[in-house]
Structures are given as structure tokens and as C-alpha cells.
Amino acid sequence: MPVDREQPRQRRIETPKTGMHAGPGEPLGNLALGTAIAAVLFVTVLEIGLRFLPVIHNAEWSPVDADRPVWIYRPNVDITWPRGPDFNLATKRHSNNAGFLNNQDYASAGPRPLLAVVGDDASVGNPALVRVDDAPNWKRWLLNRSRLAAYLVFNLEVAARLDHLIERLFVGPPAQPAPAREWNRATDLLLPAAAEAAGVLKSRIVFVVEGARPDLYKNA
């Protein structure tokens, strides 16, 4: 006799509607977003913390061009100037009314004789001085406003170390310093050139040559 066979029934399972559909790339996107937020918080904490430490600031300098050939700081500000990653030798400097690092203001009509102090290591090593123009850019803007950027550039010297590494990898070892006779020759050439350029007698110019500081400290 025939046997009735019950056909299997198909069961339909309804998924609850939550309004959210997880895609295959969503975990990676969440990770990227979380990493970005953590990085921003980390940089913000460093920026705020460094504002309580003697990181260099207020060291804004003027552009250098044909109309303004002298490199000066923003006038009448106090400048914090530390050295090294641990803020070693942190000093306070002051720019006077003319933008030079001096506690005394410049007075062209003062009662005392006019005195000008000009020169540094570069002027001794290069008697034929050439003006290097320096215009404002986003790097200077960032250094003047971010303590973290200033700490990386001036204290840790990240930019200088990176340039030095690239130079050694692609250019070669750094050039050896000039021998003492070349420095003496540069000194002999600079004094007459300075007197001629300033339009004053050589007898009215005092030329001071700084000693080789590493050699001076050897027996200290």
C-alpha cells in the first residue's frame, strides 16, 4: 500500500534588524581611526607638557633680503635658549630695540661713543661674506608656535642629524676643517676689508679672535 512521505519543510530564520551592517573593512577602519586619535592626543600632551619646560621660544627673526640685509630678532623680547635634550645650559637672552641680543638698547644719538660689534665664526672663516636671503615659510611659522617642533629641531637637532646622515650616505664624509694657517690668513684679509667697507680707520677697529675652545678645555 502507498506510504505518505512528509516533505521536509524549509525553515526561514529571520535576522534581527539592528540598522548596522558590518562590512569586511570596518575593523581596519576602526583601528586606523583609533590610532589617529591616540596620535593626536599623544602630540597634544607633549605640546602642553613642553610649554612648562625651558624650550626655546620667542626666537623669531626678521626676513633677510636686499632691503633688510641684517639678520635680527624680533625687538624687545625675552628669549629662552636651552641646549641638549635635557635642557642643559638653559639661558635667558634679551633682544634690544634694534633686534640684537643685548640688554642695552641701541641709541644712535647717545652721549657715549658709538660702538658696533660685528662678526662671528662664519665671518672669520669666510672673509668674502655673501648675503643669504631668508624669507618666511611654513617651517619658521611652525617653529615659532609649536614647542614640540622647536624641541625636535633645536634640542634634539633632528633636522641637522638627518641632513648629516643623508650627507654621509650620499655625499661622503664631511670635509676636514681648515688648518690654522688658513684661519690666520682669513683674519689678515678680514681686517683691511672691514675697515674699507665701514669707511673708518683701522686704528678705530678692535679685532678679537676667539680661541679654539676644545683645545682650551683639554687641561681644565
C-alpha atoms as a PDB file:
ATOM      1  CA  MET A   1       0.000   0.000   0.000  1.00  0.00           C
ATOM      2  CA  PRO A   2       1.245   3.503  -0.688  1.00  0.00           C
ATOM      3  CA  VAL A   3       3.168   5.321   2.097  1.00  0.00           C
ATOM      4  CA  ASP A   4       2.692   9.041   2.614  1.00  0.00           C
ATOM      5  CA  ARG A   5       6.047  10.723   2.923  1.00  0.00           C
ATOM      6  CA  GLU A   6       6.039  14.129   4.500  1.00  0.00           C
ATOM      7  CA  GLN A   7       8.017  16.605   2.513  1.00  0.00           C
ATOM      8  CA  PRO A   8      10.694  18.408   4.564  1.00  0.00           C
ATOM      9  CA  ARG A   9       9.710  21.923   5.388  1.00  0.00           C
ATOM     10  CA  GLN A  10      12.122  24.761   4.821  1.00  0.00           C
ATOM     11  CA  ARG A  11      12.661  26.891   7.875  1.00  0.00           C
ATOM     12  CA  ARG A  12      13.367  30.583   7.380  1.00  0.00           C
ATOM     13  CA  ILE A  13      15.440  32.254  10.055  1.00  0.00           C
ATOM     14  CA  GLU A  14      14.929  35.974  10.315  1.00  0.00           C
ATOM     15  CA  THR A  15      17.878  38.056  11.327  1.00  0.00           C
ATOM     16  CA  PRO A  16      17.074  40.865  13.783  1.00  0.00           C
ATOM     17  CA  LYS A  17      17.212  44.277  12.156  1.00  0.00           C
ATOM     18  CA  THR A  18      19.707  46.427  14.021  1.00  0.00           C
ATOM     19  CA  GLY A  19      20.272  49.126  11.446  1.00  0.00           C
ATOM     20  CA  MET A  20      24.044  48.319  11.317  1.00  0.00           C
ATOM     21  CA  HIS A  21      25.726  46.280   8.637  1.00  0.00           C
ATOM     22  CA  ALA A  22      29.326  45.326   9.363  1.00  0.00           C
ATOM     23  CA  GLY A  23      31.453  45.300   6.267  1.00  0.00           C
ATOM     24  CA  PRO A  24      34.676  43.359   5.813  1.00  0.00           C
ATOM     25  CA  GLY A  25      36.839  46.548   6.071  1.00  0.00           C
ATOM     26  CA  GLU A  26      35.226  48.072   9.130  1.00  0.00           C
ATOM     27  CA  PRO A  27      37.635  46.623  11.773  1.00  0.00           C
ATOM     28  CA  LEU A  28      40.597  48.071   9.851  1.00  0.00           C
ATOM     29  CA  GLY A  29      38.891  51.444   9.620  1.00  0.00           C
ATOM     30  CA  ASN A  30      38.202  51.476  13.352  1.00  0.00           C
ATOM     31  CA  LEU A  31      41.848  50.635  14.024  1.00  0.00           C
ATOM     32  CA  ALA A  32      43.038  53.487  11.805  1.00  0.00           C
ATOM     33  CA  LEU A  33      40.655  55.934  13.470  1.00  0.00           C
ATOM     34  CA  GLY A  34      41.714  54.839  16.946  1.00  0.00           C
ATOM     35  CA  THR A  35      45.396  55.130  16.017  1.00  0.00           C
ATOM     36  CA  ALA A  36      44.877  58.645  14.638  1.00  0.00           C
ATOM     37  CA  ILE A  37      43.045  59.772  17.767  1.00  0.00           C
ATOM     38  CA  ALA A  38      45.752  58.309  20.003  1.00  0.00           C
ATOM     39  CA  ALA A  39      48.469  60.029  17.979  1.00  0.00           C
ATOM     40  CA  VAL A  40      46.719  63.403  18.200  1.00  0.00           C
ATOM     41  CA  LEU A  41      46.286  63.021  21.972  1.00  0.00           C
ATOM     42  CA  PHE A  42      49.931  61.997  22.378  1.00  0.00           C
ATOM     43  CA  VAL A  43      51.192  65.017  20.413  1.00  0.00           C
ATOM     44  CA  THR A  44      48.833  67.326  22.317  1.00  0.00           C
ATOM     45  CA  VAL A  45      50.108  66.058  25.684  1.00  0.00           C
ATOM     46  CA  LEU A  46      53.722  66.574  24.574  1.00  0.00           C
ATOM     47  CA  GLU A  47      52.966  70.064  23.293  1.00  0.00           C
ATOM     48  CA  ILE A  48      51.287  71.090  26.547  1.00  0.00           C
ATOM     49  CA  GLY A  49      53.977  69.482  28.719  1.00  0.00           C
ATOM     50  CA  LEU A  50      56.848  71.169  26.857  1.00  0.00           C
ATOM     51  CA  ARG A  51      55.275  74.565  27.488  1.00  0.00           C
ATOM     52  CA  PHE A  52      56.196  74.126  31.162  1.00  0.00           C
ATOM     53  CA  LEU A  53      59.841  73.384  30.287  1.00  0.00           C
ATOM     54  CA  PRO A  54      62.573  75.776  29.046  1.00  0.00           C
ATOM     55  CA  VAL A  55      62.130  75.054  25.344  1.00  0.00           C
ATOM     56  CA  ILE A  56      63.382  77.802  23.049  1.00  0.00           C
ATOM     57  CA  HIS A  57      60.648  80.289  22.185  1.00  0.00           C
ATOM     58  CA  ASN A  58      60.221  83.906  21.096  1.00  0.00           C
ATOM     59  CA  ALA A  59      63.255  83.438  18.830  1.00  0.00           C
ATOM     60  CA  GLU A  60      61.547  84.957  15.813  1.00  0.00           C
ATOM     61  CA  TRP A  61      63.868  86.623  13.329  1.00  0.00           C
ATOM     62  CA  SER A  62      63.232  89.026  10.507  1.00  0.00           C
ATOM     63  CA  PRO A  63      63.477  88.123   6.804  1.00  0.00           C
ATOM     64  CA  VAL A  64      66.795  88.761   5.067  1.00  0.00           C
ATOM     65  CA  ASP A  65      66.782  90.364   1.632  1.00  0.00           C
ATOM     66  CA  ALA A  66      68.222  93.317  -0.264  1.00  0.00           C
ATOM     67  CA  ASP A  67      66.173  95.819   1.762  1.00  0.00           C
ATOM     68  CA  ARG A  68      66.903  94.105   5.111  1.00  0.00           C
ATOM     69  CA  PRO A  69      70.391  92.587   4.780  1.00  0.00           C
ATOM     70  CA  VAL A  70      70.990  92.204   8.534  1.00  0.00           C
ATOM     71  CA  TRP A  71      69.680  89.135  10.370  1.00  0.00           C
ATOM     72  CA  ILE A  72      67.941  90.324  13.554  1.00  0.00           C
ATOM     73  CA  TYR A  73      65.445  89.008  16.101  1.00  0.00           C
ATOM     74  CA  ARG A  74      62.047  90.419  16.921  1.00  0.00           C
ATOM     75  CA  PRO A  75      62.821  93.517  19.031  1.00  0.00           C
ATOM     76  CA  ASN A  76      62.199  93.809  22.768  1.00  0.00           C
ATOM     77  CA  VAL A  77      61.505  90.179  23.679  1.00  0.00           C
ATOM     78  CA  ASP A  78      62.986  87.737  26.184  1.00  0.00           C
ATOM     79  CA  ILE A  79      64.252  84.537  24.589  1.00  0.00           C
ATOM     80  CA  THR A  80      64.738  81.186  26.302  1.00  0.00           C
ATOM     81  CA  TRP A  81      67.747  79.378  24.854  1.00  0.00           C
ATOM     82  CA  PRO A  82      68.478  75.835  26.149  1.00  0.00           C
ATOM     83  CA  ARG A  83      70.826  73.214  24.772  1.00  0.00           C
ATOM     84  CA  GLY A  84      70.548  69.429  24.558  1.00  0.00           C
ATOM     85  CA  PRO A  85      67.667  67.017  25.111  1.00  0.00           C
ATOM     86  CA  ASP A  86      67.812  67.549  28.893  1.00  0.00           C
ATOM     87  CA  PHE A  87      67.708  71.387  28.602  1.00  0.00           C
ATOM     88  CA  ASN A  88      71.314  71.713  29.649  1.00  0.00           C
ATOM     89  CA  LEU A  89      72.642  75.267  29.951  1.00  0.00           C
ATOM     90  CA  ALA A  90      69.236  76.892  29.601  1.00  0.00           C
ATOM     91  CA  THR A  91      69.804  80.646  29.442  1.00  0.00           C
ATOM     92  CA  LYS A  92      67.685  83.754  29.098  1.00  0.00           C
ATOM     93  CA  ARG A  93      68.528  86.200  26.322  1.00  0.00           C
ATOM     94  CA  HIS A  94      67.021  89.585  25.510  1.00  0.00           C
ATOM     95  CA  SER A  95      66.726  91.317  22.163  1.00  0.00           C
ATOM     96  CA  ASN A  96      67.059  95.079  22.373  1.00  0.00           C
ATOM     97  CA  ASN A  97      65.145  97.738  20.479  1.00  0.00           C
ATOM     98  CA  ALA A  98      67.180  97.051  17.334  1.00  0.00           C
ATOM     99  CA  GLY A  99      66.655  93.289  17.425  1.00  0.00           C
ATOM    100  CA  PHE A 100      70.152  92.310  18.597  1.00  0.00           C
ATOM    101  CA  LEU A 101      70.829  90.058  21.589  1.00  0.00           C
ATOM    102  CA  ASN A 102      71.878  92.666  24.100  1.00  0.00           C
ATOM    103  CA  ASN A 103      70.423  94.030  27.335  1.00  0.00           C
ATOM    104  CA  GLN A 104      71.315  97.572  26.273  1.00  0.00           C
ATOM    105  CA  ASP A 105      69.132  99.424  23.785  1.00  0.00           C
ATOM    106  CA  TYR A 106      70.683 100.971  20.715  1.00  0.00           C
ATOM    107  CA  ALA A 107      70.883 104.778  20.833  1.00  0.00           C
ATOM    108  CA  SER A 108      72.398 106.465  17.781  1.00  0.00           C
ATOM    109  CA  ALA A 109      72.249 109.910  19.422  1.00  0.00           C
ATOM    110  CA  GLY A 110      73.518 108.907  22.873  1.00  0.00           C
ATOM    111  CA  PRO A 111      76.228 110.813  24.774  1.00  0.00           C
ATOM    112  CA  ARG A 112      78.700 107.924  24.694  1.00  0.00           C
ATOM    113  CA  PRO A 113      80.848 106.948  21.681  1.00  0.00           C
ATOM    114  CA  LEU A 114      79.113 104.720  19.160  1.00  0.00           C
ATOM    115  CA  LEU A 115      80.258 101.101  19.315  1.00  0.00           C
ATOM    116  CA  ALA A 116      79.371  98.294  16.910  1.00  0.00           C
ATOM    117  CA  VAL A 117      80.140  94.610  17.496  1.00  0.00           C
ATOM    118  CA  VAL A 118      80.061  92.673  14.237  1.00  0.00           C
ATOM    119  CA  GLY A 119      81.122  89.155  13.305  1.00  0.00           C
ATOM    120  CA  ASP A 120      81.136  85.527  14.384  1.00  0.00           C
ATOM    121  CA  ASP A 121      82.901  82.303  13.424  1.00  0.00           C
ATOM    122  CA  ALA A 122      81.433  82.422   9.925  1.00  0.00           C
ATOM    123  CA  SER A 123      82.778  85.902   9.238  1.00  0.00           C
ATOM    124  CA  VAL A 124      86.287  84.815  10.234  1.00  0.00           C
ATOM    125  CA  GLY A 125      86.198  81.672   8.143  1.00  0.00           C
ATOM    126  CA  ASN A 126      84.719  83.401   5.097  1.00  0.00           C
ATOM    127  CA  PRO A 127      86.155  86.887   4.502  1.00  0.00           C
ATOM    128  CA  ALA A 128      84.097  87.298   1.316  1.00  0.00           C
ATOM    129  CA  LEU A 129      80.724  87.349   3.045  1.00  0.00           C
ATOM    130  CA  VAL A 130      77.700  86.717   0.848  1.00  0.00           C
ATOM    131  CA  ARG A 131      74.155  87.567   1.901  1.00  0.00           C
ATOM    132  CA  VAL A 132      71.857  84.560   2.134  1.00  0.00           C
ATOM    133  CA  ASP A 133      68.227  85.582   1.716  1.00  0.00           C
ATOM    134  CA  ASP A 134      65.757  84.109   4.165  1.00  0.00           C
ATOM    135  CA  ALA A 135      62.024  84.543   3.564  1.00  0.00           C
ATOM    136  CA  PRO A 136      59.194  83.497   5.901  1.00  0.00           C
ATOM    137  CA  ASN A 137      57.835  79.996   5.293  1.00  0.00           C
ATOM    138  CA  TRP A 138      55.691  77.372   6.967  1.00  0.00           C
ATOM    139  CA  LYS A 139      58.697  75.824   8.757  1.00  0.00           C
ATOM    140  CA  ARG A 140      59.525  79.066  10.546  1.00  0.00           C
ATOM    141  CA  TRP A 141      55.848  79.577  11.354  1.00  0.00           C
ATOM    142  CA  LEU A 142      55.682  76.116  12.940  1.00  0.00           C
ATOM    143  CA  LEU A 143      58.906  76.559  14.919  1.00  0.00           C
ATOM    144  CA  ASN A 144      57.697  79.865  16.340  1.00  0.00           C
ATOM    145  CA  ARG A 145      54.397  78.420  17.540  1.00  0.00           C
ATOM    146  CA  SER A 146      54.996  74.788  18.464  1.00  0.00           C
ATOM    147  CA  ARG A 147      57.185  73.901  21.449  1.00  0.00           C
ATOM    148  CA  LEU A 148      57.313  70.285  20.276  1.00  0.00           C
ATOM    149  CA  ALA A 149      58.648  71.309  16.863  1.00  0.00           C
ATOM    150  CA  ALA A 150      61.197  73.627  18.488  1.00  0.00           C
ATOM    151  CA  TYR A 151      62.324  70.869  20.858  1.00  0.00           C
ATOM    152  CA  LEU A 152      62.809  68.398  17.987  1.00  0.00           C
ATOM    153  CA  VAL A 153      64.752  70.886  15.853  1.00  0.00           C
ATOM    154  CA  PHE A 154      66.814  72.842  18.400  1.00  0.00           C
ATOM    155  CA  ASN A 155      67.210  70.463  21.356  1.00  0.00           C
ATOM    156  CA  LEU A 156      67.294  67.057  19.673  1.00  0.00           C
ATOM    157  CA  GLU A 157      68.679  68.520  16.414  1.00  0.00           C
ATOM    158  CA  VAL A 158      66.596  66.062  14.395  1.00  0.00           C
ATOM    159  CA  ALA A 159      66.839  68.041  11.153  1.00  0.00           C
ATOM    160  CA  ALA A 160      70.596  68.538  11.464  1.00  0.00           C
ATOM    161  CA  ARG A 161      71.204  64.878  12.297  1.00  0.00           C
ATOM    162  CA  LEU A 162      69.057  63.786   9.353  1.00  0.00           C
ATOM    163  CA  ASP A 163      70.936  66.098   6.977  1.00  0.00           C
ATOM    164  CA  HIS A 164      74.239  64.792   8.351  1.00  0.00           C
ATOM    165  CA  LEU A 165      73.126  61.175   7.816  1.00  0.00           C
ATOM    166  CA  ILE A 166      71.990  61.872   4.247  1.00  0.00           C
ATOM    167  CA  GLU A 167      75.242  63.677   3.527  1.00  0.00           C
ATOM    168  CA  ARG A 168      77.342  60.770   4.785  1.00  0.00           C
ATOM    169  CA  LEU A 169      75.275  58.223   2.854  1.00  0.00           C
ATOM    170  CA  PHE A 170      75.083  60.014  -0.487  1.00  0.00           C
ATOM    171  CA  VAL A 171      77.819  62.667  -0.478  1.00  0.00           C
ATOM    172  CA  GLY A 172      80.651  61.264   1.588  1.00  0.00           C
ATOM    173  CA  PRO A 173      82.496  62.071   4.815  1.00  0.00           C
ATOM    174  CA  PRO A 174      82.490  65.711   5.921  1.00  0.00           C
ATOM    175  CA  ALA A 175      85.336  67.945   4.855  1.00  0.00           C
ATOM    176  CA  GLN A 176      88.194  68.388   7.257  1.00  0.00           C
ATOM    177  CA  PRO A 177      88.449  71.769   8.995  1.00  0.00           C
ATOM    178  CA  ALA A 178      90.841  74.278   7.531  1.00  0.00           C
ATOM    179  CA  PRO A 179      94.354  74.300   9.047  1.00  0.00           C
ATOM    180  CA  ALA A 180      95.424  77.082  11.369  1.00  0.00           C
ATOM    181  CA  ARG A 181      97.367  78.895   8.657  1.00  0.00           C
ATOM    182  CA  GLU A 182      94.177  79.325   6.616  1.00  0.00           C
ATOM    183  CA  TRP A 183      92.375  80.821   9.610  1.00  0.00           C
ATOM    184  CA  ASN A 184      95.282  83.220  10.161  1.00  0.00           C
ATOM    185  CA  ARG A 185      95.160  84.213   6.503  1.00  0.00           C
ATOM    186  CA  ALA A 186      91.420  84.816   6.738  1.00  0.00           C
ATOM    187  CA  THR A 187      92.000  87.035   9.760  1.00  0.00           C
ATOM    188  CA  ASP A 188      94.659  89.057   7.926  1.00  0.00           C
ATOM    189  CA  LEU A 189      92.312  89.560   4.965  1.00  0.00           C
ATOM    190  CA  LEU A 190      89.240  90.442   7.000  1.00  0.00           C
ATOM    191  CA  LEU A 191      90.628  93.371   8.973  1.00  0.00           C
ATOM    192  CA  PRO A 192      91.555  95.598   5.978  1.00  0.00           C
ATOM    193  CA  ALA A 193      88.334  94.624   4.205  1.00  0.00           C
ATOM    194  CA  ALA A 194      86.252  95.507   7.267  1.00  0.00           C
ATOM    195  CA  ALA A 195      87.915  98.909   7.611  1.00  0.00           C
ATOM    196  CA  GLU A 196      87.371  99.703   3.944  1.00  0.00           C
ATOM    197  CA  ALA A 197      83.741  98.556   3.999  1.00  0.00           C
ATOM    198  CA  ALA A 198      82.959 100.529   7.179  1.00  0.00           C
ATOM    199  CA  GLY A 199      84.732 103.653   5.985  1.00  0.00           C
ATOM    200  CA  VAL A 200      86.706 104.117   9.197  1.00  0.00           C
ATOM    201  CA  LEU A 201      90.359 103.995  10.099  1.00  0.00           C
ATOM    202  CA  LYS A 202      91.874 100.661  11.050  1.00  0.00           C
ATOM    203  CA  SER A 203      93.033 102.243  14.306  1.00  0.00           C
ATOM    204  CA  ARG A 204      89.384 102.596  15.359  1.00  0.00           C
ATOM    205  CA  ILE A 205      88.654  98.878  14.938  1.00  0.00           C
ATOM    206  CA  VAL A 206      89.411  96.260  17.584  1.00  0.00           C
ATOM    207  CA  PHE A 207      89.554  92.776  16.094  1.00  0.00           C
ATOM    208  CA  VAL A 208      89.183  89.898  18.579  1.00  0.00           C
ATOM    209  CA  VAL A 209      89.856  86.291  17.552  1.00  0.00           C
ATOM    210  CA  GLU A 210      88.244  83.609  19.663  1.00  0.00           C
ATOM    211  CA  GLY A 211      90.414  80.747  20.814  1.00  0.00           C
ATOM    212  CA  ALA A 212      89.887  77.117  19.868  1.00  0.00           C
ATOM    213  CA  ARG A 213      87.577  76.159  22.728  1.00  0.00           C
ATOM    214  CA  PRO A 214      88.088  72.370  22.647  1.00  0.00           C
ATOM    215  CA  ASP A 215      91.841  72.912  22.965  1.00  0.00           C
ATOM    216  CA  LEU A 216      91.365  75.410  25.789  1.00  0.00           C
ATOM    217  CA  TYR A 217      89.351  72.896  27.816  1.00  0.00           C
ATOM    218  CA  LYS A 218      91.715  69.944  27.480  1.00  0.00           C
ATOM    219  CA  ASN A 219      93.661  70.637  30.658  1.00  0.00           C
ATOM    220  CA  ALA A 220      90.737  72.143  32.588  1.00  0.00           C
END
